[in-house]
Structure formats: C-alpha cells, structure tokens
Amino acid sequence: MFERCIGLAWCSSCRIYSGNMVHVSRNQVLVDALASLPRDQRERLAHSETRLIDFLDRQARGSRG
C-alpha cells in the first residue's frame, strides 16, 4: 500500500521549486529535516515558506561539501 505525500523538487542554482503529489510506500521511512531543531525554531520555519526553503537549501549545500 502507498501513502500520498507532497514531493518537492528544488533547484538551488535558479532558486525555483515545484511540487507534485507522489506515492510513497508505507514501509518507506521519510527523514524529517527539522527533527533535530528546537520546537520554536521548527515552528518559525513552518510558518514561513521563504525561511523554510532557505533553511533546507543551506542544509543541502552543507551536505555536498
């Protein structure tokens, strides 16, 4: 069985993202990129699309090198 999730594709170079409905197996473990943050910081990011995307972009850039 599958669950429906929103999948986002992000281009750091052009700073454009697109979203789509995707199907993910119920057995697939999805990583929460905000799980290690304090609650107040998670809430602040969750309430601002711009802050959230900037945060995730910094995380992705840091993991590449």
N, C-alpha and C. Protein backbone atom coordinates (compact mmCIF):
# COMPACT_ATOMS: atom_id res chain seq x y z
N MET A 1 0.84 -1.18 0.00
CA MET A 1 0.00 0.00 0.00
C MET A 1 0.88 1.25 0.00
N PHE A 2 0.30 2.32 -0.47
CA PHE A 2 1.02 3.57 -0.58
C PHE A 2 0.29 4.70 0.15
N GLU A 3 1.05 5.68 0.52
CA GLU A 3 0.51 6.91 1.09
C GLU A 3 0.77 8.02 0.10
N ARG A 4 -0.10 8.99 0.06
CA ARG A 4 0.14 10.15 -0.80
C ARG A 4 0.90 11.20 0.00
N CYS A 5 1.92 11.75 -0.61
CA CYS A 5 2.73 12.80 0.01
C CYS A 5 2.97 13.89 -1.02
N ILE A 6 3.34 15.05 -0.55
CA ILE A 6 3.73 16.12 -1.45
C ILE A 6 5.23 16.02 -1.64
N GLY A 7 5.65 15.90 -2.88
CA GLY A 7 7.08 15.85 -3.20
C GLY A 7 7.51 17.18 -3.78
N LEU A 8 8.64 17.68 -3.32
CA LEU A 8 9.16 18.95 -3.82
C LEU A 8 10.50 18.71 -4.51
N ALA A 9 10.68 19.35 -5.64
CA ALA A 9 11.97 19.35 -6.34
C ALA A 9 12.49 20.77 -6.30
N TRP A 10 13.75 20.94 -5.92
CA TRP A 10 14.35 22.26 -5.68
C TRP A 10 15.62 22.41 -6.48
N CYS A 11 15.75 23.54 -7.15
CA CYS A 11 16.98 23.86 -7.87
C CYS A 11 17.67 25.01 -7.13
N SER A 12 18.78 24.74 -6.48
CA SER A 12 19.50 25.76 -5.72
C SER A 12 20.07 26.85 -6.62
N SER A 13 20.42 26.49 -7.83
CA SER A 13 21.01 27.47 -8.75
C SER A 13 20.00 28.53 -9.17
N CYS A 14 18.84 28.09 -9.62
CA CYS A 14 17.85 29.05 -10.10
C CYS A 14 16.83 29.43 -9.03
N ARG A 15 16.89 28.74 -7.86
CA ARG A 15 16.01 29.01 -6.72
C ARG A 15 14.54 28.89 -7.10
N ILE A 16 14.23 27.84 -7.84
CA ILE A 16 12.86 27.53 -8.22
C ILE A 16 12.54 26.12 -7.73
N TYR A 17 11.33 25.95 -7.20
CA TYR A 17 10.92 24.61 -6.83
C TYR A 17 9.54 24.32 -7.39
N SER A 18 9.26 23.04 -7.51
CA SER A 18 7.94 22.62 -7.96
C SER A 18 7.48 21.50 -7.05
N GLY A 19 6.20 21.39 -6.93
CA GLY A 19 5.63 20.36 -6.08
C GLY A 19 4.70 19.46 -6.86
N ASN A 20 4.53 18.25 -6.36
CA ASN A 20 3.69 17.28 -7.03
C ASN A 20 3.23 16.26 -5.99
N MET A 21 2.08 15.66 -6.22
CA MET A 21 1.62 14.58 -5.36
C MET A 21 2.37 13.32 -5.75
N VAL A 22 2.97 12.65 -4.78
CA VAL A 22 3.71 11.42 -5.05
C VAL A 22 3.18 10.31 -4.16
N HIS A 23 3.42 9.09 -4.55
CA HIS A 23 3.02 7.93 -3.75
C HIS A 23 4.27 7.32 -3.13
N VAL A 24 4.23 7.13 -1.83
CA VAL A 24 5.37 6.57 -1.09
C VAL A 24 4.89 5.31 -0.39
N SER A 25 5.67 4.27 -0.47
CA SER A 25 5.34 3.02 0.19
C SER A 25 5.19 3.26 1.69
N ARG A 26 4.22 2.62 2.30
CA ARG A 26 4.02 2.78 3.75
C ARG A 26 5.22 2.29 4.55
N ASN A 27 6.05 1.46 3.95
CA ASN A 27 7.24 0.94 4.63
C ASN A 27 8.42 1.88 4.53
N GLN A 28 8.35 2.88 3.65
CA GLN A 28 9.45 3.82 3.44
C GLN A 28 9.54 4.79 4.63
N VAL A 29 10.71 4.93 5.18
CA VAL A 29 10.95 5.87 6.27
C VAL A 29 11.36 7.20 5.67
N LEU A 30 10.58 8.25 5.96
CA LEU A 30 10.89 9.58 5.46
C LEU A 30 11.66 10.35 6.53
N VAL A 31 12.72 11.02 6.11
CA VAL A 31 13.57 11.77 7.04
C VAL A 31 12.94 13.15 7.28
N ASP A 32 12.84 13.52 8.54
CA ASP A 32 12.34 14.85 8.91
C ASP A 32 13.55 15.76 9.09
N ALA A 33 13.77 16.64 8.14
CA ALA A 33 14.94 17.53 8.17
C ALA A 33 14.89 18.53 9.32
N LEU A 34 13.73 18.69 9.94
CA LEU A 34 13.59 19.65 11.04
C LEU A 34 13.57 18.98 12.42
N ALA A 35 13.67 17.67 12.46
CA ALA A 35 13.50 16.92 13.70
C ALA A 35 14.50 17.32 14.79
N SER A 36 15.71 17.67 14.41
CA SER A 36 16.73 17.97 15.42
C SER A 36 16.67 19.40 15.94
N LEU A 37 15.80 20.21 15.37
CA LEU A 37 15.71 21.62 15.78
C LEU A 37 14.84 21.79 17.01
N PRO A 38 15.10 22.82 17.79
CA PRO A 38 14.20 23.13 18.91
C PRO A 38 12.80 23.47 18.38
N ARG A 39 11.79 23.21 19.19
CA ARG A 39 10.40 23.40 18.77
C ARG A 39 10.12 24.80 18.25
N ASP A 40 10.63 25.84 18.92
CA ASP A 40 10.34 27.20 18.48
C ASP A 40 10.93 27.49 17.10
N GLN A 41 12.10 26.93 16.81
CA GLN A 41 12.70 27.14 15.50
C GLN A 41 11.94 26.38 14.42
N ARG A 42 11.49 25.15 14.72
CA ARG A 42 10.68 24.38 13.77
C ARG A 42 9.39 25.14 13.45
N GLU A 43 8.76 25.68 14.47
CA GLU A 43 7.51 26.42 14.26
C GLU A 43 7.74 27.68 13.42
N ARG A 44 8.82 28.37 13.68
CA ARG A 44 9.14 29.58 12.91
C ARG A 44 9.35 29.23 11.43
N LEU A 45 10.06 28.15 11.17
CA LEU A 45 10.29 27.72 9.80
C LEU A 45 8.99 27.25 9.14
N ALA A 46 8.15 26.57 9.89
CA ALA A 46 6.90 26.05 9.35
C ALA A 46 5.93 27.15 8.97
N HIS A 47 6.06 28.31 9.57
CA HIS A 47 5.15 29.42 9.29
C HIS A 47 5.67 30.37 8.21
N SER A 48 6.83 30.09 7.64
CA SER A 48 7.38 30.95 6.60
C SER A 48 7.99 30.10 5.50
N GLU A 49 7.34 30.08 4.36
CA GLU A 49 7.84 29.30 3.23
C GLU A 49 9.24 29.75 2.84
N THR A 50 9.48 31.04 2.86
CA THR A 50 10.80 31.57 2.49
C THR A 50 11.88 31.10 3.45
N ARG A 51 11.62 31.20 4.76
CA ARG A 51 12.61 30.73 5.75
C ARG A 51 12.85 29.23 5.63
N LEU A 52 11.76 28.48 5.43
CA LEU A 52 11.89 27.02 5.33
C LEU A 52 12.76 26.64 4.14
N ILE A 53 12.49 27.21 2.98
CA ILE A 53 13.28 26.89 1.79
C ILE A 53 14.73 27.33 1.95
N ASP A 54 14.96 28.50 2.53
CA ASP A 54 16.34 28.94 2.77
C ASP A 54 17.07 27.98 3.70
N PHE A 55 16.39 27.54 4.76
CA PHE A 55 16.99 26.60 5.70
C PHE A 55 17.35 25.28 5.00
N LEU A 56 16.40 24.73 4.26
CA LEU A 56 16.64 23.46 3.58
C LEU A 56 17.73 23.59 2.52
N ASP A 57 17.78 24.73 1.85
CA ASP A 57 18.83 24.97 0.85
C ASP A 57 20.20 25.00 1.51
N ARG A 58 20.31 25.67 2.66
CA ARG A 58 21.60 25.70 3.38
C ARG A 58 22.00 24.30 3.82
N GLN A 59 21.01 23.49 4.26
CA GLN A 59 21.31 22.13 4.69
C GLN A 59 21.83 21.30 3.51
N ALA A 60 21.21 21.45 2.36
CA ALA A 60 21.62 20.68 1.18
C ALA A 60 23.00 21.12 0.71
N ARG A 61 23.27 22.41 0.74
CA ARG A 61 24.59 22.90 0.31
C ARG A 61 25.67 22.42 1.28
N GLY A 62 25.37 22.39 2.56
CA GLY A 62 26.34 21.92 3.55
C GLY A 62 26.66 20.45 3.43
N SER A 63 25.69 19.65 2.99
CA SER A 63 25.92 18.21 2.88
C SER A 63 26.68 17.84 1.62
N ARG A 64 26.84 18.78 0.69
CA ARG A 64 27.56 18.49 -0.55
C ARG A 64 29.04 18.79 -0.44
N GLY A 65 29.45 19.43 0.60
CA GLY A 65 30.87 19.70 0.56
C GLY A 65 31.31 20.46 1.69
